[in-house]
Amino acid sequence: MQKHKDILHQVARLTGALVVCVGIMLVGYALLGAFTYSVLIGAVIGLLLAVGNFISLSITVSNALDRAARDNNPQGAQLSIQASGVVRLLALAVIYILLFRSRICDPVAALLPLLLAQVALKLVEFFRKDDKGGDTGL
């Protein structure tokens, strides 16, 4: 149960940081005079896909590590994580291709949240509670 709580806390922190980053992105679009409904839809879809990708990654890694510890097979865990990465990448590619072909949203606004997730992860890590008892933020 603690494993699931840890994953949910990580997802919540990432989502909060990513919402801030996407908000800044939308302000940038507005300042450039390029803010449209299509940009807003792209930002929301991109945010959801980025968070979904992180959830999938977290669950896969957690399960693979549990299996590796249980079966004493670290190579199997590594292979499982790598296979998951390929599947997630292909799934995202298909979703983005379908989105762009259907012209539902702005392509750049939909892709940026996925890239901003890396920035958000670094922010979360920077402000994360110190394991030695110090609280540095989030």
Protein backbone atom coordinates (compact mmCIF):
# COMPACT_ATOMS: atom_id res chain seq x y z
CA MET A 1 0.00 0.00 0.00
CA GLN A 2 2.88 2.37 0.77
CA LYS A 3 4.16 1.82 -2.76
CA HIS A 4 0.91 3.14 -4.21
CA LYS A 5 0.91 6.14 -1.87
CA ASP A 6 4.45 7.01 -2.97
CA ILE A 7 3.46 6.80 -6.64
CA LEU A 8 0.38 8.95 -6.04
CA HIS A 9 2.45 11.57 -4.20
CA GLN A 10 4.97 11.67 -7.04
CA VAL A 11 2.18 12.01 -9.61
CA ALA A 12 0.52 14.78 -7.59
CA ARG A 13 3.77 16.72 -7.29
CA LEU A 14 4.55 16.30 -10.99
CA THR A 15 1.02 17.34 -11.97
CA GLY A 16 1.23 20.50 -9.85
CA ALA A 17 4.61 21.47 -11.29
CA LEU A 18 3.45 20.65 -14.82
CA VAL A 19 0.30 22.75 -14.41
CA VAL A 20 2.52 25.69 -13.44
CA CYS A 21 4.81 25.10 -16.45
CA VAL A 22 1.86 24.79 -18.86
CA GLY A 23 0.34 27.93 -17.34
CA ILE A 24 3.56 29.79 -18.07
CA MET A 25 3.50 28.36 -21.59
CA LEU A 26 -0.06 29.64 -22.11
CA VAL A 27 0.93 33.09 -20.81
CA GLY A 28 3.74 33.05 -23.36
CA TYR A 29 1.26 32.23 -26.13
CA ALA A 30 -0.98 35.08 -24.94
CA LEU A 31 1.91 37.57 -24.85
CA LEU A 32 2.84 36.59 -28.39
CA GLY A 33 -0.77 37.07 -29.47
CA ALA A 34 -1.04 33.44 -30.55
CA PHE A 35 -3.40 32.18 -27.85
CA THR A 36 -6.41 30.41 -29.37
CA TYR A 37 -8.91 27.76 -28.36
CA SER A 38 -6.81 25.27 -30.33
CA VAL A 39 -3.76 26.15 -28.20
CA LEU A 40 -5.76 25.69 -24.99
CA ILE A 41 -7.06 22.29 -26.13
CA GLY A 42 -3.53 21.27 -27.14
CA ALA A 43 -2.15 22.31 -23.77
CA VAL A 44 -4.80 20.35 -21.86
CA ILE A 45 -4.36 17.24 -24.02
CA GLY A 46 -0.57 17.50 -23.76
CA LEU A 47 -0.81 17.87 -19.99
CA LEU A 48 -3.01 14.79 -19.70
CA LEU A 49 -0.71 12.76 -21.95
CA ALA A 50 2.39 13.82 -20.03
CA VAL A 51 0.84 12.89 -16.68
CA GLY A 52 -0.47 9.61 -18.11
CA ASN A 53 2.97 8.80 -19.46
CA PHE A 54 4.51 9.45 -16.04
CA ILE A 55 1.90 7.30 -14.28
CA SER A 56 2.56 4.46 -16.71
CA LEU A 57 6.31 4.79 -16.21
CA SER A 58 5.99 4.86 -12.41
CA ILE A 59 3.77 1.80 -12.26
CA THR A 60 5.94 -0.15 -14.69
CA VAL A 61 9.16 0.61 -12.82
CA SER A 62 7.59 -0.16 -9.45
CA ASN A 63 6.18 -3.49 -10.63
CA ALA A 64 9.43 -4.44 -12.39
CA LEU A 65 11.45 -3.71 -9.26
CA ASP A 66 9.06 -5.77 -7.15
CA ARG A 67 9.32 -8.70 -9.59
CA ALA A 68 13.12 -8.38 -9.69
CA ALA A 69 13.31 -8.51 -5.90
CA ARG A 70 10.86 -11.41 -5.69
CA ASP A 71 12.37 -13.49 -8.52
CA ASN A 72 15.98 -12.31 -8.09
CA ASN A 73 16.04 -11.39 -11.79
CA PRO A 74 17.31 -7.83 -12.36
CA GLN A 75 17.81 -8.45 -16.10
CA GLY A 76 14.12 -9.29 -16.45
CA ALA A 77 13.19 -6.06 -14.69
CA GLN A 78 15.47 -4.05 -16.97
CA LEU A 79 13.99 -5.71 -20.06
CA SER A 80 10.46 -5.05 -18.80
CA ILE A 81 11.22 -1.35 -18.23
CA GLN A 82 12.83 -1.00 -21.67
CA ALA A 83 9.91 -2.74 -23.39
CA SER A 84 7.49 -0.47 -21.56
CA GLY A 85 9.42 2.56 -22.76
CA VAL A 86 9.09 1.45 -26.37
CA VAL A 87 5.39 0.71 -25.99
CA ARG A 88 4.73 4.09 -24.30
CA LEU A 89 6.66 5.92 -27.03
CA LEU A 90 4.74 4.15 -29.79
CA ALA A 91 1.41 4.78 -28.07
CA LEU A 92 2.23 8.50 -27.68
CA ALA A 93 3.33 8.70 -31.31
CA VAL A 94 0.06 7.15 -32.51
CA ILE A 95 -2.03 9.44 -30.29
CA TYR A 96 -0.17 12.56 -31.43
CA ILE A 97 -0.38 11.57 -35.10
CA LEU A 98 -4.14 11.06 -34.77
CA LEU A 99 -4.50 14.40 -32.96
CA PHE A 100 -2.52 16.29 -35.57
CA ARG A 101 -4.21 14.62 -38.54
CA SER A 102 -7.64 15.44 -37.10
CA ARG A 103 -6.59 19.06 -36.43
CA ILE A 104 -8.19 18.99 -32.97
CA CYS A 105 -5.46 21.08 -31.39
CA ASP A 106 -2.33 23.12 -31.94
CA PRO A 107 0.57 20.65 -32.45
CA VAL A 108 3.22 22.71 -30.65
CA ALA A 109 0.95 23.37 -27.66
CA ALA A 110 0.19 19.65 -27.44
CA LEU A 111 3.85 18.58 -27.61
CA LEU A 112 5.32 21.18 -25.26
CA PRO A 113 3.77 19.73 -22.06
CA LEU A 114 5.50 16.43 -22.79
CA LEU A 115 8.82 18.28 -22.97
CA LEU A 116 7.92 20.48 -20.00
CA ALA A 117 7.37 17.32 -17.95
CA GLN A 118 11.16 16.97 -17.83
CA VAL A 119 11.44 20.52 -16.44
CA ALA A 120 8.64 19.80 -13.98
CA LEU A 121 10.38 16.63 -12.79
CA LYS A 122 13.56 18.59 -12.15
CA LEU A 123 11.57 21.22 -10.23
CA VAL A 124 9.86 18.54 -8.15
CA GLU A 125 13.21 16.92 -7.40
CA PHE A 126 14.74 20.26 -6.46
CA PHE A 127 11.96 21.11 -3.99
CA ARG A 128 11.46 17.54 -2.74
CA LYS A 129 11.62 16.79 0.97
CA ASP A 130 15.10 15.85 2.08
CA ASP A 131 15.24 12.24 3.35
CA LYS A 132 17.31 13.36 6.34
CA GLY A 133 14.45 15.34 7.83
CA GLY A 134 14.83 18.74 6.18
CA ASP A 135 11.82 20.08 4.34
CA THR A 136 12.81 22.13 1.31
CA GLY A 137 9.41 22.83 -0.21
CA LEU A 138 6.87 20.76 -2.13
